[in-house]
Amino acid sequence: LNLLSVNKIIAKNNILIHFDAAKC
C-alpha cells in the first residue's frame, strides 16, 4: 500500500484540500 500524509502535501505544495463524505 501507499500511505500519504495530507499535511506534507499541503505544506510543500501550497494547495488546499477539502474532504467531504463523497470526495476529496
PDBML (XML) file of the C-alpha atoms, coordinates in Angstrom:
<?xml version="1.0" encoding="UTF-8" ?>
<PDBx:datablock datablockName="MODEL"
   xmlns:PDBx="http://pdbml.pdb.org/schema/pdbx-v50.xsd"
   xmlns:xsi="http://www.w3.org/2001/XMLSchema-instance"
   xsi:schemaLocation="http://pdbml.pdb.org/schema/pdbx-v50.xsd pdbx-v50.xsd">
   <PDBx:atom_siteCategory>
      <PDBx:atom_site id="1">
         <PDBx:B_iso_or_equiv>0.00</PDBx:B_iso_or_equiv>
         <PDBx:Cartn_x>0.000</PDBx:Cartn_x>
         <PDBx:Cartn_y>0.000</PDBx:Cartn_y>
         <PDBx:Cartn_z>0.000</PDBx:Cartn_z>
         <PDBx:auth_asym_id>A</PDBx:auth_asym_id>
         <PDBx:auth_atom_id>CA</PDBx:auth_atom_id>
         <PDBx:auth_comp_id>LEU</PDBx:auth_comp_id>
         <PDBx:auth_seq_id>1</PDBx:auth_seq_id>
         <PDBx:group_PDB>ATOM</PDBx:group_PDB>
         <PDBx:label_alt_id xsi:nil="true" />
         <PDBx:label_asym_id>A</PDBx:label_asym_id>
         <PDBx:label_atom_id>CA</PDBx:label_atom_id>
         <PDBx:label_comp_id>LEU</PDBx:label_comp_id>
         <PDBx:label_entity_id>1</PDBx:label_entity_id>
         <PDBx:label_seq_id>1</PDBx:label_seq_id>
         <PDBx:occupancy>1.00</PDBx:occupancy>
         <PDBx:pdbx_PDB_model_num>1</PDBx:pdbx_PDB_model_num>
         <PDBx:type_symbol>C</PDBx:type_symbol>
      </PDBx:atom_site>
      <PDBx:atom_site id="2">
         <PDBx:B_iso_or_equiv>0.00</PDBx:B_iso_or_equiv>
         <PDBx:Cartn_x>0.976</PDBx:Cartn_x>
         <PDBx:Cartn_y>3.636</PDBx:Cartn_y>
         <PDBx:Cartn_z>-0.448</PDBx:Cartn_z>
         <PDBx:auth_asym_id>A</PDBx:auth_asym_id>
         <PDBx:auth_atom_id>CA</PDBx:auth_atom_id>
         <PDBx:auth_comp_id>ASN</PDBx:auth_comp_id>
         <PDBx:auth_seq_id>2</PDBx:auth_seq_id>
         <PDBx:group_PDB>ATOM</PDBx:group_PDB>
         <PDBx:label_alt_id xsi:nil="true" />
         <PDBx:label_asym_id>A</PDBx:label_asym_id>
         <PDBx:label_atom_id>CA</PDBx:label_atom_id>
         <PDBx:label_comp_id>ASN</PDBx:label_comp_id>
         <PDBx:label_entity_id>1</PDBx:label_entity_id>
         <PDBx:label_seq_id>2</PDBx:label_seq_id>
         <PDBx:occupancy>1.00</PDBx:occupancy>
         <PDBx:pdbx_PDB_model_num>1</PDBx:pdbx_PDB_model_num>
         <PDBx:type_symbol>C</PDBx:type_symbol>
      </PDBx:atom_site>
      <PDBx:atom_site id="3">
         <PDBx:B_iso_or_equiv>0.00</PDBx:B_iso_or_equiv>
         <PDBx:Cartn_x>0.192</PDBx:Cartn_x>
         <PDBx:Cartn_y>5.884</PDBx:Cartn_y>
         <PDBx:Cartn_z>2.506</PDBx:Cartn_z>
         <PDBx:auth_asym_id>A</PDBx:auth_asym_id>
         <PDBx:auth_atom_id>CA</PDBx:auth_atom_id>
         <PDBx:auth_comp_id>LEU</PDBx:auth_comp_id>
         <PDBx:auth_seq_id>3</PDBx:auth_seq_id>
         <PDBx:group_PDB>ATOM</PDBx:group_PDB>
         <PDBx:label_alt_id xsi:nil="true" />
         <PDBx:label_asym_id>A</PDBx:label_asym_id>
         <PDBx:label_atom_id>CA</PDBx:label_atom_id>
         <PDBx:label_comp_id>LEU</PDBx:label_comp_id>
         <PDBx:label_entity_id>1</PDBx:label_entity_id>
         <PDBx:label_seq_id>3</PDBx:label_seq_id>
         <PDBx:occupancy>1.00</PDBx:occupancy>
         <PDBx:pdbx_PDB_model_num>1</PDBx:pdbx_PDB_model_num>
         <PDBx:type_symbol>C</PDBx:type_symbol>
      </PDBx:atom_site>
      <PDBx:atom_site id="4">
         <PDBx:B_iso_or_equiv>0.00</PDBx:B_iso_or_equiv>
         <PDBx:Cartn_x>0.129</PDBx:Cartn_x>
         <PDBx:Cartn_y>9.659</PDBx:Cartn_y>
         <PDBx:Cartn_z>2.102</PDBx:Cartn_z>
         <PDBx:auth_asym_id>A</PDBx:auth_asym_id>
         <PDBx:auth_atom_id>CA</PDBx:auth_atom_id>
         <PDBx:auth_comp_id>LEU</PDBx:auth_comp_id>
         <PDBx:auth_seq_id>4</PDBx:auth_seq_id>
         <PDBx:group_PDB>ATOM</PDBx:group_PDB>
         <PDBx:label_alt_id xsi:nil="true" />
         <PDBx:label_asym_id>A</PDBx:label_asym_id>
         <PDBx:label_atom_id>CA</PDBx:label_atom_id>
         <PDBx:label_comp_id>LEU</PDBx:label_comp_id>
         <PDBx:label_entity_id>1</PDBx:label_entity_id>
         <PDBx:label_seq_id>4</PDBx:label_seq_id>
         <PDBx:occupancy>1.00</PDBx:occupancy>
         <PDBx:pdbx_PDB_model_num>1</PDBx:pdbx_PDB_model_num>
         <PDBx:type_symbol>C</PDBx:type_symbol>
      </PDBx:atom_site>
      <PDBx:atom_site id="5">
         <PDBx:B_iso_or_equiv>0.00</PDBx:B_iso_or_equiv>
         <PDBx:Cartn_x>0.494</PDBx:Cartn_x>
         <PDBx:Cartn_y>12.457</PDBx:Cartn_y>
         <PDBx:Cartn_z>4.612</PDBx:Cartn_z>
         <PDBx:auth_asym_id>A</PDBx:auth_asym_id>
         <PDBx:auth_atom_id>CA</PDBx:auth_atom_id>
         <PDBx:auth_comp_id>SER</PDBx:auth_comp_id>
         <PDBx:auth_seq_id>5</PDBx:auth_seq_id>
         <PDBx:group_PDB>ATOM</PDBx:group_PDB>
         <PDBx:label_alt_id xsi:nil="true" />
         <PDBx:label_asym_id>A</PDBx:label_asym_id>
         <PDBx:label_atom_id>CA</PDBx:label_atom_id>
         <PDBx:label_comp_id>SER</PDBx:label_comp_id>
         <PDBx:label_entity_id>1</PDBx:label_entity_id>
         <PDBx:label_seq_id>5</PDBx:label_seq_id>
         <PDBx:occupancy>1.00</PDBx:occupancy>
         <PDBx:pdbx_PDB_model_num>1</PDBx:pdbx_PDB_model_num>
         <PDBx:type_symbol>C</PDBx:type_symbol>
      </PDBx:atom_site>
      <PDBx:atom_site id="6">
         <PDBx:B_iso_or_equiv>0.00</PDBx:B_iso_or_equiv>
         <PDBx:Cartn_x>-2.052</PDBx:Cartn_x>
         <PDBx:Cartn_y>15.133</PDBx:Cartn_y>
         <PDBx:Cartn_z>3.710</PDBx:Cartn_z>
         <PDBx:auth_asym_id>A</PDBx:auth_asym_id>
         <PDBx:auth_atom_id>CA</PDBx:auth_atom_id>
         <PDBx:auth_comp_id>VAL</PDBx:auth_comp_id>
         <PDBx:auth_seq_id>6</PDBx:auth_seq_id>
         <PDBx:group_PDB>ATOM</PDBx:group_PDB>
         <PDBx:label_alt_id xsi:nil="true" />
         <PDBx:label_asym_id>A</PDBx:label_asym_id>
         <PDBx:label_atom_id>CA</PDBx:label_atom_id>
         <PDBx:label_comp_id>VAL</PDBx:label_comp_id>
         <PDBx:label_entity_id>1</PDBx:label_entity_id>
         <PDBx:label_seq_id>6</PDBx:label_seq_id>
         <PDBx:occupancy>1.00</PDBx:occupancy>
         <PDBx:pdbx_PDB_model_num>1</PDBx:pdbx_PDB_model_num>
         <PDBx:type_symbol>C</PDBx:type_symbol>
      </PDBx:atom_site>
      <PDBx:atom_site id="7">
         <PDBx:B_iso_or_equiv>0.00</PDBx:B_iso_or_equiv>
         <PDBx:Cartn_x>-0.134</PDBx:Cartn_x>
         <PDBx:Cartn_y>17.580</PDBx:Cartn_y>
         <PDBx:Cartn_z>5.903</PDBx:Cartn_z>
         <PDBx:auth_asym_id>A</PDBx:auth_asym_id>
         <PDBx:auth_atom_id>CA</PDBx:auth_atom_id>
         <PDBx:auth_comp_id>ASN</PDBx:auth_comp_id>
         <PDBx:auth_seq_id>7</PDBx:auth_seq_id>
         <PDBx:group_PDB>ATOM</PDBx:group_PDB>
         <PDBx:label_alt_id xsi:nil="true" />
         <PDBx:label_asym_id>A</PDBx:label_asym_id>
         <PDBx:label_atom_id>CA</PDBx:label_atom_id>
         <PDBx:label_comp_id>ASN</PDBx:label_comp_id>
         <PDBx:label_entity_id>1</PDBx:label_entity_id>
         <PDBx:label_seq_id>7</PDBx:label_seq_id>
         <PDBx:occupancy>1.00</PDBx:occupancy>
         <PDBx:pdbx_PDB_model_num>1</PDBx:pdbx_PDB_model_num>
         <PDBx:type_symbol>C</PDBx:type_symbol>
      </PDBx:atom_site>
      <PDBx:atom_site id="8">
         <PDBx:B_iso_or_equiv>0.00</PDBx:B_iso_or_equiv>
         <PDBx:Cartn_x>3.060</PDBx:Cartn_x>
         <PDBx:Cartn_y>17.032</PDBx:Cartn_y>
         <PDBx:Cartn_z>3.861</PDBx:Cartn_z>
         <PDBx:auth_asym_id>A</PDBx:auth_asym_id>
         <PDBx:auth_atom_id>CA</PDBx:auth_atom_id>
         <PDBx:auth_comp_id>LYS</PDBx:auth_comp_id>
         <PDBx:auth_seq_id>8</PDBx:auth_seq_id>
         <PDBx:group_PDB>ATOM</PDBx:group_PDB>
         <PDBx:label_alt_id xsi:nil="true" />
         <PDBx:label_asym_id>A</PDBx:label_asym_id>
         <PDBx:label_atom_id>CA</PDBx:label_atom_id>
         <PDBx:label_comp_id>LYS</PDBx:label_comp_id>
         <PDBx:label_entity_id>1</PDBx:label_entity_id>
         <PDBx:label_seq_id>8</PDBx:label_seq_id>
         <PDBx:occupancy>1.00</PDBx:occupancy>
         <PDBx:pdbx_PDB_model_num>1</PDBx:pdbx_PDB_model_num>
         <PDBx:type_symbol>C</PDBx:type_symbol>
      </PDBx:atom_site>
      <PDBx:atom_site id="9">
         <PDBx:B_iso_or_equiv>0.00</PDBx:B_iso_or_equiv>
         <PDBx:Cartn_x>1.207</PDBx:Cartn_x>
         <PDBx:Cartn_y>17.516</PDBx:Cartn_y>
         <PDBx:Cartn_z>0.577</PDBx:Cartn_z>
         <PDBx:auth_asym_id>A</PDBx:auth_asym_id>
         <PDBx:auth_atom_id>CA</PDBx:auth_atom_id>
         <PDBx:auth_comp_id>ILE</PDBx:auth_comp_id>
         <PDBx:auth_seq_id>9</PDBx:auth_seq_id>
         <PDBx:group_PDB>ATOM</PDBx:group_PDB>
         <PDBx:label_alt_id xsi:nil="true" />
         <PDBx:label_asym_id>A</PDBx:label_asym_id>
         <PDBx:label_atom_id>CA</PDBx:label_atom_id>
         <PDBx:label_comp_id>ILE</PDBx:label_comp_id>
         <PDBx:label_entity_id>1</PDBx:label_entity_id>
         <PDBx:label_seq_id>9</PDBx:label_seq_id>
         <PDBx:occupancy>1.00</PDBx:occupancy>
         <PDBx:pdbx_PDB_model_num>1</PDBx:pdbx_PDB_model_num>
         <PDBx:type_symbol>C</PDBx:type_symbol>
      </PDBx:atom_site>
      <PDBx:atom_site id="10">
         <PDBx:B_iso_or_equiv>0.00</PDBx:B_iso_or_equiv>
         <PDBx:Cartn_x>-0.363</PDBx:Cartn_x>
         <PDBx:Cartn_y>20.773</PDBx:Cartn_y>
         <PDBx:Cartn_z>1.746</PDBx:Cartn_z>
         <PDBx:auth_asym_id>A</PDBx:auth_asym_id>
         <PDBx:auth_atom_id>CA</PDBx:auth_atom_id>
         <PDBx:auth_comp_id>ILE</PDBx:auth_comp_id>
         <PDBx:auth_seq_id>10</PDBx:auth_seq_id>
         <PDBx:group_PDB>ATOM</PDBx:group_PDB>
         <PDBx:label_alt_id xsi:nil="true" />
         <PDBx:label_asym_id>A</PDBx:label_asym_id>
         <PDBx:label_atom_id>CA</PDBx:label_atom_id>
         <PDBx:label_comp_id>ILE</PDBx:label_comp_id>
         <PDBx:label_entity_id>1</PDBx:label_entity_id>
         <PDBx:label_seq_id>10</PDBx:label_seq_id>
         <PDBx:occupancy>1.00</PDBx:occupancy>
         <PDBx:pdbx_PDB_model_num>1</PDBx:pdbx_PDB_model_num>
         <PDBx:type_symbol>C</PDBx:type_symbol>
      </PDBx:atom_site>
      <PDBx:atom_site id="11">
         <PDBx:B_iso_or_equiv>0.00</PDBx:B_iso_or_equiv>
         <PDBx:Cartn_x>2.781</PDBx:Cartn_x>
         <PDBx:Cartn_y>22.194</PDBx:Cartn_y>
         <PDBx:Cartn_z>3.352</PDBx:Cartn_z>
         <PDBx:auth_asym_id>A</PDBx:auth_asym_id>
         <PDBx:auth_atom_id>CA</PDBx:auth_atom_id>
         <PDBx:auth_comp_id>ALA</PDBx:auth_comp_id>
         <PDBx:auth_seq_id>11</PDBx:auth_seq_id>
         <PDBx:group_PDB>ATOM</PDBx:group_PDB>
         <PDBx:label_alt_id xsi:nil="true" />
         <PDBx:label_asym_id>A</PDBx:label_asym_id>
         <PDBx:label_atom_id>CA</PDBx:label_atom_id>
         <PDBx:label_comp_id>ALA</PDBx:label_comp_id>
         <PDBx:label_entity_id>1</PDBx:label_entity_id>
         <PDBx:label_seq_id>11</PDBx:label_seq_id>
         <PDBx:occupancy>1.00</PDBx:occupancy>
         <PDBx:pdbx_PDB_model_num>1</PDBx:pdbx_PDB_model_num>
         <PDBx:type_symbol>C</PDBx:type_symbol>
      </PDBx:atom_site>
      <PDBx:atom_site id="12">
         <PDBx:B_iso_or_equiv>0.00</PDBx:B_iso_or_equiv>
         <PDBx:Cartn_x>5.183</PDBx:Cartn_x>
         <PDBx:Cartn_y>21.597</PDBx:Cartn_y>
         <PDBx:Cartn_z>0.457</PDBx:Cartn_z>
         <PDBx:auth_asym_id>A</PDBx:auth_asym_id>
         <PDBx:auth_atom_id>CA</PDBx:auth_atom_id>
         <PDBx:auth_comp_id>LYS</PDBx:auth_comp_id>
         <PDBx:auth_seq_id>12</PDBx:auth_seq_id>
         <PDBx:group_PDB>ATOM</PDBx:group_PDB>
         <PDBx:label_alt_id xsi:nil="true" />
         <PDBx:label_asym_id>A</PDBx:label_asym_id>
         <PDBx:label_atom_id>CA</PDBx:label_atom_id>
         <PDBx:label_comp_id>LYS</PDBx:label_comp_id>
         <PDBx:label_entity_id>1</PDBx:label_entity_id>
         <PDBx:label_seq_id>12</PDBx:label_seq_id>
         <PDBx:occupancy>1.00</PDBx:occupancy>
         <PDBx:pdbx_PDB_model_num>1</PDBx:pdbx_PDB_model_num>
         <PDBx:type_symbol>C</PDBx:type_symbol>
      </PDBx:atom_site>
      <PDBx:atom_site id="13">
         <PDBx:B_iso_or_equiv>0.00</PDBx:B_iso_or_equiv>
         <PDBx:Cartn_x>2.839</PDBx:Cartn_x>
         <PDBx:Cartn_y>22.288</PDBx:Cartn_y>
         <PDBx:Cartn_z>-2.484</PDBx:Cartn_z>
         <PDBx:auth_asym_id>A</PDBx:auth_asym_id>
         <PDBx:auth_atom_id>CA</PDBx:auth_atom_id>
         <PDBx:auth_comp_id>ASN</PDBx:auth_comp_id>
         <PDBx:auth_seq_id>13</PDBx:auth_seq_id>
         <PDBx:group_PDB>ATOM</PDBx:group_PDB>
         <PDBx:label_alt_id xsi:nil="true" />
         <PDBx:label_asym_id>A</PDBx:label_asym_id>
         <PDBx:label_atom_id>CA</PDBx:label_atom_id>
         <PDBx:label_comp_id>ASN</PDBx:label_comp_id>
         <PDBx:label_entity_id>1</PDBx:label_entity_id>
         <PDBx:label_seq_id>13</PDBx:label_seq_id>
         <PDBx:occupancy>1.00</PDBx:occupancy>
         <PDBx:pdbx_PDB_model_num>1</PDBx:pdbx_PDB_model_num>
         <PDBx:type_symbol>C</PDBx:type_symbol>
      </PDBx:atom_site>
      <PDBx:atom_site id="14">
         <PDBx:B_iso_or_equiv>0.00</PDBx:B_iso_or_equiv>
         <PDBx:Cartn_x>0.821</PDBx:Cartn_x>
         <PDBx:Cartn_y>25.308</PDBx:Cartn_y>
         <PDBx:Cartn_z>-1.287</PDBx:Cartn_z>
         <PDBx:auth_asym_id>A</PDBx:auth_asym_id>
         <PDBx:auth_atom_id>CA</PDBx:auth_atom_id>
         <PDBx:auth_comp_id>ASN</PDBx:auth_comp_id>
         <PDBx:auth_seq_id>14</PDBx:auth_seq_id>
         <PDBx:group_PDB>ATOM</PDBx:group_PDB>
         <PDBx:label_alt_id xsi:nil="true" />
         <PDBx:label_asym_id>A</PDBx:label_asym_id>
         <PDBx:label_atom_id>CA</PDBx:label_atom_id>
         <PDBx:label_comp_id>ASN</PDBx:label_comp_id>
         <PDBx:label_entity_id>1</PDBx:label_entity_id>
         <PDBx:label_seq_id>14</PDBx:label_seq_id>
         <PDBx:occupancy>1.00</PDBx:occupancy>
         <PDBx:pdbx_PDB_model_num>1</PDBx:pdbx_PDB_model_num>
         <PDBx:type_symbol>C</PDBx:type_symbol>
      </PDBx:atom_site>
      <PDBx:atom_site id="15">
         <PDBx:B_iso_or_equiv>0.00</PDBx:B_iso_or_equiv>
         <PDBx:Cartn_x>-2.569</PDBx:Cartn_x>
         <PDBx:Cartn_y>23.773</PDBx:Cartn_y>
         <PDBx:Cartn_z>-2.046</PDBx:Cartn_z>
         <PDBx:auth_asym_id>A</PDBx:auth_asym_id>
         <PDBx:auth_atom_id>CA</PDBx:auth_atom_id>
         <PDBx:auth_comp_id>ILE</PDBx:auth_comp_id>
         <PDBx:auth_seq_id>15</PDBx:auth_seq_id>
         <PDBx:group_PDB>ATOM</PDBx:group_PDB>
         <PDBx:label_alt_id xsi:nil="true" />
         <PDBx:label_asym_id>A</PDBx:label_asym_id>
         <PDBx:label_atom_id>CA</PDBx:label_atom_id>
         <PDBx:label_comp_id>ILE</PDBx:label_comp_id>
         <PDBx:label_entity_id>1</PDBx:label_entity_id>
         <PDBx:label_seq_id>15</PDBx:label_seq_id>
         <PDBx:occupancy>1.00</PDBx:occupancy>
         <PDBx:pdbx_PDB_model_num>1</PDBx:pdbx_PDB_model_num>
         <PDBx:type_symbol>C</PDBx:type_symbol>
      </PDBx:atom_site>
      <PDBx:atom_site id="16">
         <PDBx:B_iso_or_equiv>0.00</PDBx:B_iso_or_equiv>
         <PDBx:Cartn_x>-5.923</PDBx:Cartn_x>
         <PDBx:Cartn_y>23.478</PDBx:Cartn_y>
         <PDBx:Cartn_z>-0.314</PDBx:Cartn_z>
         <PDBx:auth_asym_id>A</PDBx:auth_asym_id>
         <PDBx:auth_atom_id>CA</PDBx:auth_atom_id>
         <PDBx:auth_comp_id>LEU</PDBx:auth_comp_id>
         <PDBx:auth_seq_id>16</PDBx:auth_seq_id>
         <PDBx:group_PDB>ATOM</PDBx:group_PDB>
         <PDBx:label_alt_id xsi:nil="true" />
         <PDBx:label_asym_id>A</PDBx:label_asym_id>
         <PDBx:label_atom_id>CA</PDBx:label_atom_id>
         <PDBx:label_comp_id>LEU</PDBx:label_comp_id>
         <PDBx:label_entity_id>1</PDBx:label_entity_id>
         <PDBx:label_seq_id>16</PDBx:label_seq_id>
         <PDBx:occupancy>1.00</PDBx:occupancy>
         <PDBx:pdbx_PDB_model_num>1</PDBx:pdbx_PDB_model_num>
         <PDBx:type_symbol>C</PDBx:type_symbol>
      </PDBx:atom_site>
      <PDBx:atom_site id="17">
         <PDBx:B_iso_or_equiv>0.00</PDBx:B_iso_or_equiv>
         <PDBx:Cartn_x>-7.514</PDBx:Cartn_x>
         <PDBx:Cartn_y>20.058</PDBx:Cartn_y>
         <PDBx:Cartn_z>0.166</PDBx:Cartn_z>
         <PDBx:auth_asym_id>A</PDBx:auth_asym_id>
         <PDBx:auth_atom_id>CA</PDBx:auth_atom_id>
         <PDBx:auth_comp_id>ILE</PDBx:auth_comp_id>
         <PDBx:auth_seq_id>17</PDBx:auth_seq_id>
         <PDBx:group_PDB>ATOM</PDBx:group_PDB>
         <PDBx:label_alt_id xsi:nil="true" />
         <PDBx:label_asym_id>A</PDBx:label_asym_id>
         <PDBx:label_atom_id>CA</PDBx:label_atom_id>
         <PDBx:label_comp_id>ILE</PDBx:label_comp_id>
         <PDBx:label_entity_id>1</PDBx:label_entity_id>
         <PDBx:label_seq_id>17</PDBx:label_seq_id>
         <PDBx:occupancy>1.00</PDBx:occupancy>
         <PDBx:pdbx_PDB_model_num>1</PDBx:pdbx_PDB_model_num>
         <PDBx:type_symbol>C</PDBx:type_symbol>
      </PDBx:atom_site>
      <PDBx:atom_site id="18">
         <PDBx:B_iso_or_equiv>0.00</PDBx:B_iso_or_equiv>
         <PDBx:Cartn_x>-11.174</PDBx:Cartn_x>
         <PDBx:Cartn_y>19.673</PDBx:Cartn_y>
         <PDBx:Cartn_z>1.094</PDBx:Cartn_z>
         <PDBx:auth_asym_id>A</PDBx:auth_asym_id>
         <PDBx:auth_atom_id>CA</PDBx:auth_atom_id>
         <PDBx:auth_comp_id>HIS</PDBx:auth_comp_id>
         <PDBx:auth_seq_id>18</PDBx:auth_seq_id>
         <PDBx:group_PDB>ATOM</PDBx:group_PDB>
         <PDBx:label_alt_id xsi:nil="true" />
         <PDBx:label_asym_id>A</PDBx:label_asym_id>
         <PDBx:label_atom_id>CA</PDBx:label_atom_id>
         <PDBx:label_comp_id>HIS</PDBx:label_comp_id>
         <PDBx:label_entity_id>1</PDBx:label_entity_id>
         <PDBx:label_seq_id>18</PDBx:label_seq_id>
         <PDBx:occupancy>1.00</PDBx:occupancy>
         <PDBx:pdbx_PDB_model_num>1</PDBx:pdbx_PDB_model_num>
         <PDBx:type_symbol>C</PDBx:type_symbol>
      </PDBx:atom_site>
      <PDBx:atom_site id="19">
         <PDBx:B_iso_or_equiv>0.00</PDBx:B_iso_or_equiv>
         <PDBx:Cartn_x>-12.733</PDBx:Cartn_x>
         <PDBx:Cartn_y>16.365</PDBx:Cartn_y>
         <PDBx:Cartn_z>2.168</PDBx:Cartn_z>
         <PDBx:auth_asym_id>A</PDBx:auth_asym_id>
         <PDBx:auth_atom_id>CA</PDBx:auth_atom_id>
         <PDBx:auth_comp_id>PHE</PDBx:auth_comp_id>
         <PDBx:auth_seq_id>19</PDBx:auth_seq_id>
         <PDBx:group_PDB>ATOM</PDBx:group_PDB>
         <PDBx:label_alt_id xsi:nil="true" />
         <PDBx:label_asym_id>A</PDBx:label_asym_id>
         <PDBx:label_atom_id>CA</PDBx:label_atom_id>
         <PDBx:label_comp_id>PHE</PDBx:label_comp_id>
         <PDBx:label_entity_id>1</PDBx:label_entity_id>
         <PDBx:label_seq_id>19</PDBx:label_seq_id>
         <PDBx:occupancy>1.00</PDBx:occupancy>
         <PDBx:pdbx_PDB_model_num>1</PDBx:pdbx_PDB_model_num>
         <PDBx:type_symbol>C</PDBx:type_symbol>
      </PDBx:atom_site>
      <PDBx:atom_site id="20">
         <PDBx:B_iso_or_equiv>0.00</PDBx:B_iso_or_equiv>
         <PDBx:Cartn_x>-16.433</PDBx:Cartn_x>
         <PDBx:Cartn_y>15.625</PDBx:Cartn_y>
         <PDBx:Cartn_z>2.400</PDBx:Cartn_z>
         <PDBx:auth_asym_id>A</PDBx:auth_asym_id>
         <PDBx:auth_atom_id>CA</PDBx:auth_atom_id>
         <PDBx:auth_comp_id>ASP</PDBx:auth_comp_id>
         <PDBx:auth_seq_id>20</PDBx:auth_seq_id>
         <PDBx:group_PDB>ATOM</PDBx:group_PDB>
         <PDBx:label_alt_id xsi:nil="true" />
         <PDBx:label_asym_id>A</PDBx:label_asym_id>
         <PDBx:label_atom_id>CA</PDBx:label_atom_id>
         <PDBx:label_comp_id>ASP</PDBx:label_comp_id>
         <PDBx:label_entity_id>1</PDBx:label_entity_id>
         <PDBx:label_seq_id>20</PDBx:label_seq_id>
         <PDBx:occupancy>1.00</PDBx:occupancy>
         <PDBx:pdbx_PDB_model_num>1</PDBx:pdbx_PDB_model_num>
         <PDBx:type_symbol>C</PDBx:type_symbol>
      </PDBx:atom_site>
      <PDBx:atom_site id="21">
         <PDBx:B_iso_or_equiv>0.00</PDBx:B_iso_or_equiv>
         <PDBx:Cartn_x>-18.384</PDBx:Cartn_x>
         <PDBx:Cartn_y>12.377</PDBx:Cartn_y>
         <PDBx:Cartn_z>2.672</PDBx:Cartn_z>
         <PDBx:auth_asym_id>A</PDBx:auth_asym_id>
         <PDBx:auth_atom_id>CA</PDBx:auth_atom_id>
         <PDBx:auth_comp_id>ALA</PDBx:auth_comp_id>
         <PDBx:auth_seq_id>21</PDBx:auth_seq_id>
         <PDBx:group_PDB>ATOM</PDBx:group_PDB>
         <PDBx:label_alt_id xsi:nil="true" />
         <PDBx:label_asym_id>A</PDBx:label_asym_id>
         <PDBx:label_atom_id>CA</PDBx:label_atom_id>
         <PDBx:label_comp_id>ALA</PDBx:label_comp_id>
         <PDBx:label_entity_id>1</PDBx:label_entity_id>
         <PDBx:label_seq_id>21</PDBx:label_seq_id>
         <PDBx:occupancy>1.00</PDBx:occupancy>
         <PDBx:pdbx_PDB_model_num>1</PDBx:pdbx_PDB_model_num>
         <PDBx:type_symbol>C</PDBx:type_symbol>
      </PDBx:atom_site>
      <PDBx:atom_site id="22">
         <PDBx:B_iso_or_equiv>0.00</PDBx:B_iso_or_equiv>
         <PDBx:Cartn_x>-18.249</PDBx:Cartn_x>
         <PDBx:Cartn_y>11.695</PDBx:Cartn_y>
         <PDBx:Cartn_z>-1.072</PDBx:Cartn_z>
         <PDBx:auth_asym_id>A</PDBx:auth_asym_id>
         <PDBx:auth_atom_id>CA</PDBx:auth_atom_id>
         <PDBx:auth_comp_id>ALA</PDBx:auth_comp_id>
         <PDBx:auth_seq_id>22</PDBx:auth_seq_id>
         <PDBx:group_PDB>ATOM</PDBx:group_PDB>
         <PDBx:label_alt_id xsi:nil="true" />
         <PDBx:label_asym_id>A</PDBx:label_asym_id>
         <PDBx:label_atom_id>CA</PDBx:label_atom_id>
         <PDBx:label_comp_id>ALA</PDBx:label_comp_id>
         <PDBx:label_entity_id>1</PDBx:label_entity_id>
         <PDBx:label_seq_id>22</PDBx:label_seq_id>
         <PDBx:occupancy>1.00</PDBx:occupancy>
         <PDBx:pdbx_PDB_model_num>1</PDBx:pdbx_PDB_model_num>
         <PDBx:type_symbol>C</PDBx:type_symbol>
      </PDBx:atom_site>
      <PDBx:atom_site id="23">
         <PDBx:B_iso_or_equiv>0.00</PDBx:B_iso_or_equiv>
         <PDBx:Cartn_x>-14.972</PDBx:Cartn_x>
         <PDBx:Cartn_y>13.097</PDBx:Cartn_y>
         <PDBx:Cartn_z>-2.413</PDBx:Cartn_z>
         <PDBx:auth_asym_id>A</PDBx:auth_asym_id>
         <PDBx:auth_atom_id>CA</PDBx:auth_atom_id>
         <PDBx:auth_comp_id>LYS</PDBx:auth_comp_id>
         <PDBx:auth_seq_id>23</PDBx:auth_seq_id>
         <PDBx:group_PDB>ATOM</PDBx:group_PDB>
         <PDBx:label_alt_id xsi:nil="true" />
         <PDBx:label_asym_id>A</PDBx:label_asym_id>
         <PDBx:label_atom_id>CA</PDBx:label_atom_id>
         <PDBx:label_comp_id>LYS</PDBx:label_comp_id>
         <PDBx:label_entity_id>1</PDBx:label_entity_id>
         <PDBx:label_seq_id>23</PDBx:label_seq_id>
         <PDBx:occupancy>1.00</PDBx:occupancy>
         <PDBx:pdbx_PDB_model_num>1</PDBx:pdbx_PDB_model_num>
         <PDBx:type_symbol>C</PDBx:type_symbol>
      </PDBx:atom_site>
      <PDBx:atom_site id="24">
         <PDBx:B_iso_or_equiv>0.00</PDBx:B_iso_or_equiv>
         <PDBx:Cartn_x>-11.727</PDBx:Cartn_x>
         <PDBx:Cartn_y>14.977</PDBx:Cartn_y>
         <PDBx:Cartn_z>-1.999</PDBx:Cartn_z>
         <PDBx:auth_asym_id>A</PDBx:auth_asym_id>
         <PDBx:auth_atom_id>CA</PDBx:auth_atom_id>
         <PDBx:auth_comp_id>CYS</PDBx:auth_comp_id>
         <PDBx:auth_seq_id>24</PDBx:auth_seq_id>
         <PDBx:group_PDB>ATOM</PDBx:group_PDB>
         <PDBx:label_alt_id xsi:nil="true" />
         <PDBx:label_asym_id>A</PDBx:label_asym_id>
         <PDBx:label_atom_id>CA</PDBx:label_atom_id>
         <PDBx:label_comp_id>CYS</PDBx:label_comp_id>
         <PDBx:label_entity_id>1</PDBx:label_entity_id>
         <PDBx:label_seq_id>24</PDBx:label_seq_id>
         <PDBx:occupancy>1.00</PDBx:occupancy>
         <PDBx:pdbx_PDB_model_num>1</PDBx:pdbx_PDB_model_num>
         <PDBx:type_symbol>C</PDBx:type_symbol>
      </PDBx:atom_site>
   </PDBx:atom_siteCategory>
</PDBx:datablock>
